[in-house]
Structure formats: structure tokens, C-alpha cells
Amino acid sequence: MELAFSKMHGLGNDFVVIDAFSQPIELSTEQIRHLADRRMGVGCDQLLLVEKSDSPDAEFRYRIFNANGTEVEQCGNGARCFARFVRDRGLTDSDRIPVQTPAGRIELIVEDDESITVDMGAPRLEPEQIPFQATVRATRYALSVAGETVELGAVSMGNPHAVLQVPHADSAPVTKLGPQLEAHPRFPNRVNVGFMEVVARDRIRLRVFERGVGETLACGSGACAAVVVGRLQGQLDETVSVELRGGDLVVSWAGEGQPVLMTGPATFVFEGKIQL
């Protein structure tokens, strides 16, 4: 099978995007892993499928697969690339694009400067919604990992996130704690792990170890989760610039029950075809 694809990235978090809207496409786990392989395939952090929605309140369905072939619920950087893809391909001319995801409906907004704002919906804070094993909801949880006890915030942005505050993002123990927290038994669906340095009330620095991928240059849902955790802990203002290794995002959250808004770029790299 010859498969057409687009290579895109959001602040260095890179994607293979496939149009499964114009024609139905089914990919096996092995084929997804091959596409994601940076030596034998195209190479990406995640594969994005653009599909027809089966919901009357969404224009498209959005599916996300990690490089290891597992399907996940949400990806903020991927959502921005999704919006740019469907607009540039002429699949829609809407400035506000409602999209169906495994985590629920989100809205993608194309700004005048061609940046993309993603309405990520309201964060889920109850432990069972994340999911995270805890008896009561708290802004900080203590977890034993790698022979030490760490404190973290936990939130779902449609996918589960743990956020640790660190004094310096550059020296954060991402490679040490990231894999162990990702697979910690108190996160039954595994978890994305953010290491947040609070620079000021309106600025943070962040590194994220993603489920099934490892550390990426940027993580949109991770940026949203970090701002939510920082706000709940009383350290951040409503609008925050999030500095990731691939660039900056702007995240706004008015408070509990309100949607998280994330704004940033989406970039085409190249298009091609691959034989599977």
C-alpha cells in the first residue's frame, strides 16, 4: 500500500498526518511503528489521523497514536497541526473547527496571524477522572518513586498528567524520574510527566516526558496541565507563557469549571508517499 502523508510539527513536537477523511484508512500497530521510526520510516513523535466525525456537533474526528503504536486520548500540539492541515487541504474553511476526540469534543480556532488556539475544555481534577489512585482530591500528592518521595499535582487534559515543580528545568531529573512515574502503579493508564520551573507568575519553563514517546521538544496538553496545577497551587496568574525546549506557548485558564485555552504555531515540514 502506498500512503500519502504530511510531516508537521508544533514547536518541534513532530507528527505524521494522514488524510483518512477523503478515504478510509486502517493502519496496524506495526505500520504505525514503522511510520514513526526515524531510521526506517518517516519519523515522528505521534501519528495523527484526520477522519470523518460520527458526531453531529463536530466537523472531524481526530485520532492520535504514539510512536510505539498505542492510541492516546489527546495531544495539544497535534490539535494545532490538525487545524492547519484541514484548512490548508481545503477540507474546511471554518475559523472555528469543532473536532471529536477520544477524550471528548474540542474546538480549534484559527487566529488572524495564523496561530492556532485550542479550546481544550475544562480540566478534570478528581482522581478517578484522571485516573489516579488517591482517596481524596488534593493540589499536591506524595508519591514514592526511585527510592525517594516526590510531590506532584495530577490533572487530566483529556489525557493524564503529573506535574512536578523543580528549581531548574534544565537540570530536572527527566530521564531518571520520567519513565518511573510514567509507569507508576497509582496511574493505571500511565501518565505524562511534566517538570515545571516557575520563573514568574506569568511565565514557566517546562520539560515533559510523554507516555510511549519519551521526552519531546514540546507538549501542548502538558503545558495546559502545568498551568492548571500551578494555578491550583496559587503560583500562577490566569495567562501564562510556557517556555518549552521547542518554543513558547500561551496558556490561559480562568479557574475551575472553565476551559483551558492554548495558543501557538503549527508548521508544515514536507509531504511525501511511503510504501507500507
Protein backbone atom coordinates (compact mmCIF):
# COMPACT_ATOMS: atom_id res chain seq x y z
CA MET A 1 0.00 0.00 0.00
CA GLU A 2 1.29 3.45 -0.97
CA LEU A 3 0.36 6.02 1.64
CA ALA A 4 0.44 9.80 1.24
CA PHE A 5 1.36 11.79 4.35
CA SER A 6 2.30 15.23 5.60
CA LYS A 7 5.08 15.86 8.09
CA MET A 8 4.28 18.68 10.54
CA HIS A 9 5.43 19.95 13.90
CA GLY A 10 4.25 22.13 16.76
CA LEU A 11 7.33 23.66 18.41
CA GLY A 12 9.40 20.60 17.49
CA ASN A 13 6.82 18.04 18.68
CA ASP A 14 6.56 16.31 15.30
CA PHE A 15 3.79 14.41 13.57
CA VAL A 16 2.97 12.32 10.55
CA VAL A 17 -0.51 13.46 9.48
CA ILE A 18 -2.69 11.24 7.28
CA ASP A 19 -5.91 12.16 5.50
CA ALA A 20 -8.34 9.38 6.40
CA PHE A 21 -11.23 11.79 5.73
CA SER A 22 -11.21 11.56 1.93
CA GLN A 23 -10.76 7.78 2.01
CA PRO A 24 -10.95 5.23 4.84
CA ILE A 25 -7.57 4.04 6.11
CA GLU A 26 -6.83 1.37 8.69
CA LEU A 27 -3.28 1.02 9.99
CA SER A 28 -1.90 -1.79 12.12
CA THR A 29 0.26 -1.20 15.19
CA GLU A 30 3.26 -2.44 13.22
CA GLN A 31 2.59 0.01 10.38
CA ILE A 32 2.26 2.92 12.82
CA ARG A 33 5.56 1.96 14.47
CA HIS A 34 7.19 1.77 11.04
CA LEU A 35 5.93 5.23 10.06
CA ALA A 36 7.20 6.66 13.36
CA ASP A 37 10.64 5.05 13.08
CA ARG A 38 13.23 7.77 12.46
CA ARG A 39 15.62 5.43 10.62
CA MET A 40 13.38 3.04 8.69
CA GLY A 41 10.22 5.16 8.26
CA VAL A 42 9.27 8.84 8.19
CA GLY A 43 9.90 9.58 11.86
CA CYS A 44 7.60 11.28 14.36
CA ASP A 45 6.54 11.55 17.99
CA GLN A 46 2.92 10.84 17.06
CA LEU A 47 0.78 9.84 14.10
CA LEU A 48 -2.40 11.87 13.51
CA LEU A 49 -5.40 10.55 11.58
CA VAL A 50 -7.95 13.01 10.13
CA GLU A 51 -11.27 11.17 9.94
CA LYS A 52 -14.95 11.87 9.35
CA SER A 53 -16.87 12.60 12.53
CA ASP A 54 -19.77 10.42 13.57
CA SER A 55 -20.98 13.19 15.90
CA PRO A 56 -23.40 15.92 14.71
CA ASP A 57 -21.54 18.63 16.69
CA ALA A 58 -18.08 18.06 15.17
CA GLU A 59 -16.65 18.53 11.67
CA PHE A 60 -13.91 15.92 12.05
CA ARG A 61 -12.68 13.08 14.20
CA TYR A 62 -9.10 13.28 15.46
CA ARG A 63 -7.13 10.16 16.40
CA ILE A 64 -3.62 10.17 17.90
CA PHE A 65 -1.12 7.31 18.06
CA ASN A 66 2.19 7.40 19.91
CA ALA A 67 5.39 6.23 18.26
CA ASN A 68 5.02 2.84 19.95
CA GLY A 69 1.66 2.30 18.24
CA THR A 70 -0.62 2.93 21.23
CA GLU A 71 -3.65 5.16 20.72
CA VAL A 72 -3.97 8.06 23.17
CA GLU A 73 -6.75 10.44 24.07
CA GLN A 74 -5.37 13.91 23.40
CA CYS A 75 -2.42 15.93 22.05
CA GLY A 76 -2.46 19.71 22.16
CA ASN A 77 0.38 20.34 19.70
CA GLY A 78 -1.16 17.77 17.37
CA ALA A 79 -4.52 19.55 17.59
CA ARG A 80 -2.94 22.76 16.27
CA CYS A 81 -1.34 20.82 13.39
CA PHE A 82 -4.69 19.16 12.74
CA ALA A 83 -6.34 22.58 12.32
CA ARG A 84 -3.64 23.80 9.95
CA PHE A 85 -3.85 20.56 7.93
CA VAL A 86 -7.63 20.57 7.35
CA ARG A 87 -7.61 24.27 6.45
CA ASP A 88 -4.66 24.08 4.05
CA ARG A 89 -6.06 20.93 2.41
CA GLY A 90 -9.39 22.65 1.80
CA LEU A 91 -11.29 20.19 3.96
CA THR A 92 -12.88 23.15 5.77
CA ASP A 93 -12.91 26.94 5.54
CA SER A 94 -14.12 27.42 9.11
CA ASP A 95 -12.20 29.65 11.52
CA ARG A 96 -13.65 27.68 14.44
CA ILE A 97 -13.40 23.95 13.91
CA PRO A 98 -15.20 21.57 16.30
CA VAL A 99 -13.36 18.25 16.49
CA GLN A 100 -14.28 14.92 18.03
CA THR A 101 -11.50 13.20 20.03
CA PRO A 102 -11.43 10.09 22.23
CA ALA A 103 -11.39 12.47 25.20
CA GLY A 104 -14.41 14.45 24.03
CA ARG A 105 -15.14 17.46 21.82
CA ILE A 106 -12.58 20.26 21.45
CA GLU A 107 -12.64 23.43 19.37
CA LEU A 108 -9.77 24.69 17.21
CA ILE A 109 -9.65 28.42 16.45
CA VAL A 110 -7.57 29.85 13.59
CA GLU A 111 -6.37 33.33 14.61
CA ASP A 112 -5.76 36.27 12.24
CA ASP A 113 -1.99 35.74 12.44
CA GLU A 114 -2.47 32.03 11.52
CA SER A 115 -1.56 30.84 15.01
CA ILE A 116 -3.98 28.28 16.39
CA THR A 117 -5.89 28.47 19.68
CA VAL A 118 -7.16 25.19 21.05
CA ASP A 119 -10.09 25.19 23.45
CA MET A 120 -9.03 22.12 25.43
CA GLY A 121 -12.16 22.08 27.60
CA ALA A 122 -12.21 22.12 31.37
CA PRO A 123 -9.51 20.11 33.16
CA ARG A 124 -10.56 17.04 35.10
CA LEU A 125 -9.35 17.23 38.67
CA GLU A 126 -10.98 14.38 40.56
CA PRO A 127 -8.57 11.43 40.99
CA GLU A 128 -10.90 8.89 39.40
CA GLN A 129 -11.26 11.12 36.31
CA ILE A 130 -7.50 11.38 35.68
CA PRO A 131 -7.26 8.39 36.55
CA PHE A 132 -5.04 8.45 39.65
CA GLN A 133 -5.28 6.35 42.78
CA ALA A 134 -5.93 8.68 45.72
CA THR A 135 -8.52 8.69 48.50
CA VAL A 136 -9.28 12.41 48.22
CA ARG A 137 -8.59 15.21 45.76
CA ALA A 138 -5.63 17.46 46.61
CA THR A 139 -3.47 20.09 44.95
CA ARG A 140 -0.35 18.10 45.88
CA TYR A 141 0.13 14.35 46.20
CA ALA A 142 3.11 12.50 47.70
CA LEU A 143 4.43 9.58 45.66
CA SER A 144 7.24 7.14 46.38
CA VAL A 145 9.46 6.63 43.35
CA ALA A 146 13.11 5.68 42.74
CA GLY A 147 13.78 5.43 46.48
CA GLU A 148 12.51 8.92 47.26
CA THR A 149 9.24 10.74 47.90
CA VAL A 150 8.20 13.41 45.42
CA GLU A 151 5.30 15.86 45.46
CA LEU A 152 3.26 16.38 42.33
CA GLY A 153 -0.01 17.72 41.01
CA ALA A 154 -2.25 15.47 38.92
CA VAL A 155 -4.79 16.52 36.28
CA SER A 156 -6.40 15.23 33.11
CA MET A 157 -6.49 17.39 29.99
CA GLY A 158 -8.27 14.55 28.23
CA ASN A 159 -5.07 12.59 28.92
CA PRO A 160 -3.40 12.09 32.32
CA HIS A 161 -0.63 14.39 33.55
CA ALA A 162 1.59 14.54 36.61
CA VAL A 163 3.38 17.87 37.22
CA LEU A 164 6.40 18.25 39.50
CA GLN A 165 7.85 21.63 40.44
CA VAL A 166 11.63 21.79 40.06
CA PRO A 167 14.11 24.60 40.85
CA HIS A 168 15.64 24.50 37.35
CA ALA A 169 14.11 22.86 34.29
CA ASP A 170 17.50 22.36 32.62
CA SER A 171 18.74 20.10 35.43
CA ALA A 172 15.40 18.38 36.16
CA PRO A 173 15.63 14.57 36.61
CA VAL A 174 13.59 13.89 33.45
CA THR A 175 15.41 10.74 32.36
CA LYS A 176 15.53 9.35 35.91
CA LEU A 177 12.00 10.04 37.16
CA GLY A 178 10.11 10.33 33.87
CA PRO A 179 9.98 6.61 32.96
CA GLN A 180 9.33 5.52 36.54
CA LEU A 181 6.49 7.97 37.10
CA GLU A 182 5.01 7.21 33.66
CA ALA A 183 4.57 3.57 34.72
CA HIS A 184 3.79 4.20 38.41
CA PRO A 185 1.02 1.84 39.64
CA ARG A 186 -1.03 4.75 41.02
CA PHE A 187 -1.57 5.89 37.41
CA PRO A 188 -3.43 2.88 35.95
CA ASN A 189 -3.40 4.27 32.37
CA ARG A 190 0.19 5.53 32.73
CA VAL A 191 0.88 9.26 32.73
CA ASN A 192 2.66 12.14 31.01
CA VAL A 193 5.17 13.72 33.39
CA GLY A 194 5.90 17.46 33.44
CA PHE A 195 8.85 19.12 35.20
CA MET A 196 7.90 22.77 35.84
CA GLU A 197 10.12 25.67 36.83
CA VAL A 198 8.12 28.73 37.93
CA VAL A 199 10.03 31.77 36.62
CA ALA A 200 7.34 34.35 37.45
CA ARG A 201 3.60 34.40 37.96
CA ASP A 202 3.14 34.77 34.20
CA ARG A 203 5.97 32.53 32.97
CA ILE A 204 7.13 28.94 33.47
CA ARG A 205 9.72 26.68 31.91
CA LEU A 206 8.66 23.10 31.25
CA ARG A 207 10.02 19.75 30.14
CA VAL A 208 7.68 16.81 29.52
CA PHE A 209 8.26 13.06 29.42
CA GLU A 210 5.39 11.71 27.31
CA ARG A 211 3.75 8.31 27.57
CA GLY A 212 5.01 5.92 24.92
CA VAL A 213 7.37 8.52 23.44
CA GLY A 214 9.89 9.85 25.98
CA GLU A 215 10.91 13.48 26.31
CA THR A 216 9.64 15.67 23.48
CA LEU A 217 10.58 19.21 22.48
CA ALA A 218 7.07 20.40 23.33
CA CYS A 219 3.80 19.05 24.75
CA GLY A 220 0.68 21.18 24.40
CA SER A 221 -1.54 19.26 26.79
CA GLY A 222 1.42 19.12 29.20
CA ALA A 223 1.71 22.92 29.05
CA CYS A 224 -2.00 23.21 29.86
CA ALA A 225 -1.70 20.73 32.73
CA ALA A 226 1.28 22.59 34.21
CA VAL A 227 -0.59 25.91 34.19
CA VAL A 228 -3.65 24.29 35.80
CA VAL A 229 -1.50 22.73 38.55
CA GLY A 230 0.41 25.98 39.09
CA ARG A 231 -2.86 27.92 39.31
CA LEU A 232 -4.39 25.45 41.77
CA GLN A 233 -1.26 25.74 43.92
CA GLY A 234 -1.57 29.55 43.92
CA GLN A 235 1.63 30.26 42.00
CA LEU A 236 0.44 31.46 38.58
CA ASP A 237 -1.76 34.15 37.03
CA GLU A 238 -4.59 33.48 34.60
CA THR A 239 -2.47 33.83 31.44
CA VAL A 240 0.98 32.23 31.37
CA SER A 241 3.77 31.97 28.80
CA VAL A 242 5.09 28.42 28.79
CA GLU A 243 8.69 28.05 27.62
CA LEU A 244 9.35 24.60 26.17
CA ARG A 245 12.51 23.37 24.52
CA GLY A 246 10.92 23.81 21.09
CA GLY A 247 9.48 27.29 21.73
CA ASP A 248 6.73 29.12 23.63
CA LEU A 249 3.00 28.59 24.07
CA VAL A 250 0.49 30.89 25.74
CA VAL A 251 -1.98 29.16 28.07
CA SER A 252 -4.97 30.78 29.81
CA TRP A 253 -7.24 29.31 32.47
CA ALA A 254 -9.82 31.36 34.38
CA GLY A 255 -10.35 28.71 37.05
CA GLU A 256 -12.27 25.60 37.97
CA GLY A 257 -15.04 24.64 35.57
CA GLN A 258 -13.63 26.91 32.83
CA PRO A 259 -11.90 25.74 29.62
CA VAL A 260 -8.14 25.90 29.15
CA LEU A 261 -7.08 27.89 26.07
CA MET A 262 -3.73 27.21 24.42
CA THR A 263 -2.27 29.30 21.57
CA GLY A 264 0.76 28.53 19.43
CA PRO A 265 2.06 27.76 15.94
CA ALA A 266 1.69 24.77 13.63
CA THR A 267 4.24 24.20 10.85
CA PHE A 268 4.34 22.09 7.68
CA VAL A 269 7.69 20.40 7.07
CA PHE A 270 7.17 18.31 3.92
CA GLU A 271 4.79 15.97 2.13
CA GLY A 272 5.53 12.57 0.68
CA LYS A 273 4.47 8.99 -0.01
CA ILE A 274 5.66 5.80 1.62
CA GLN A 275 5.19 2.15 0.72
CA LEU A 276 3.78 0.08 3.56
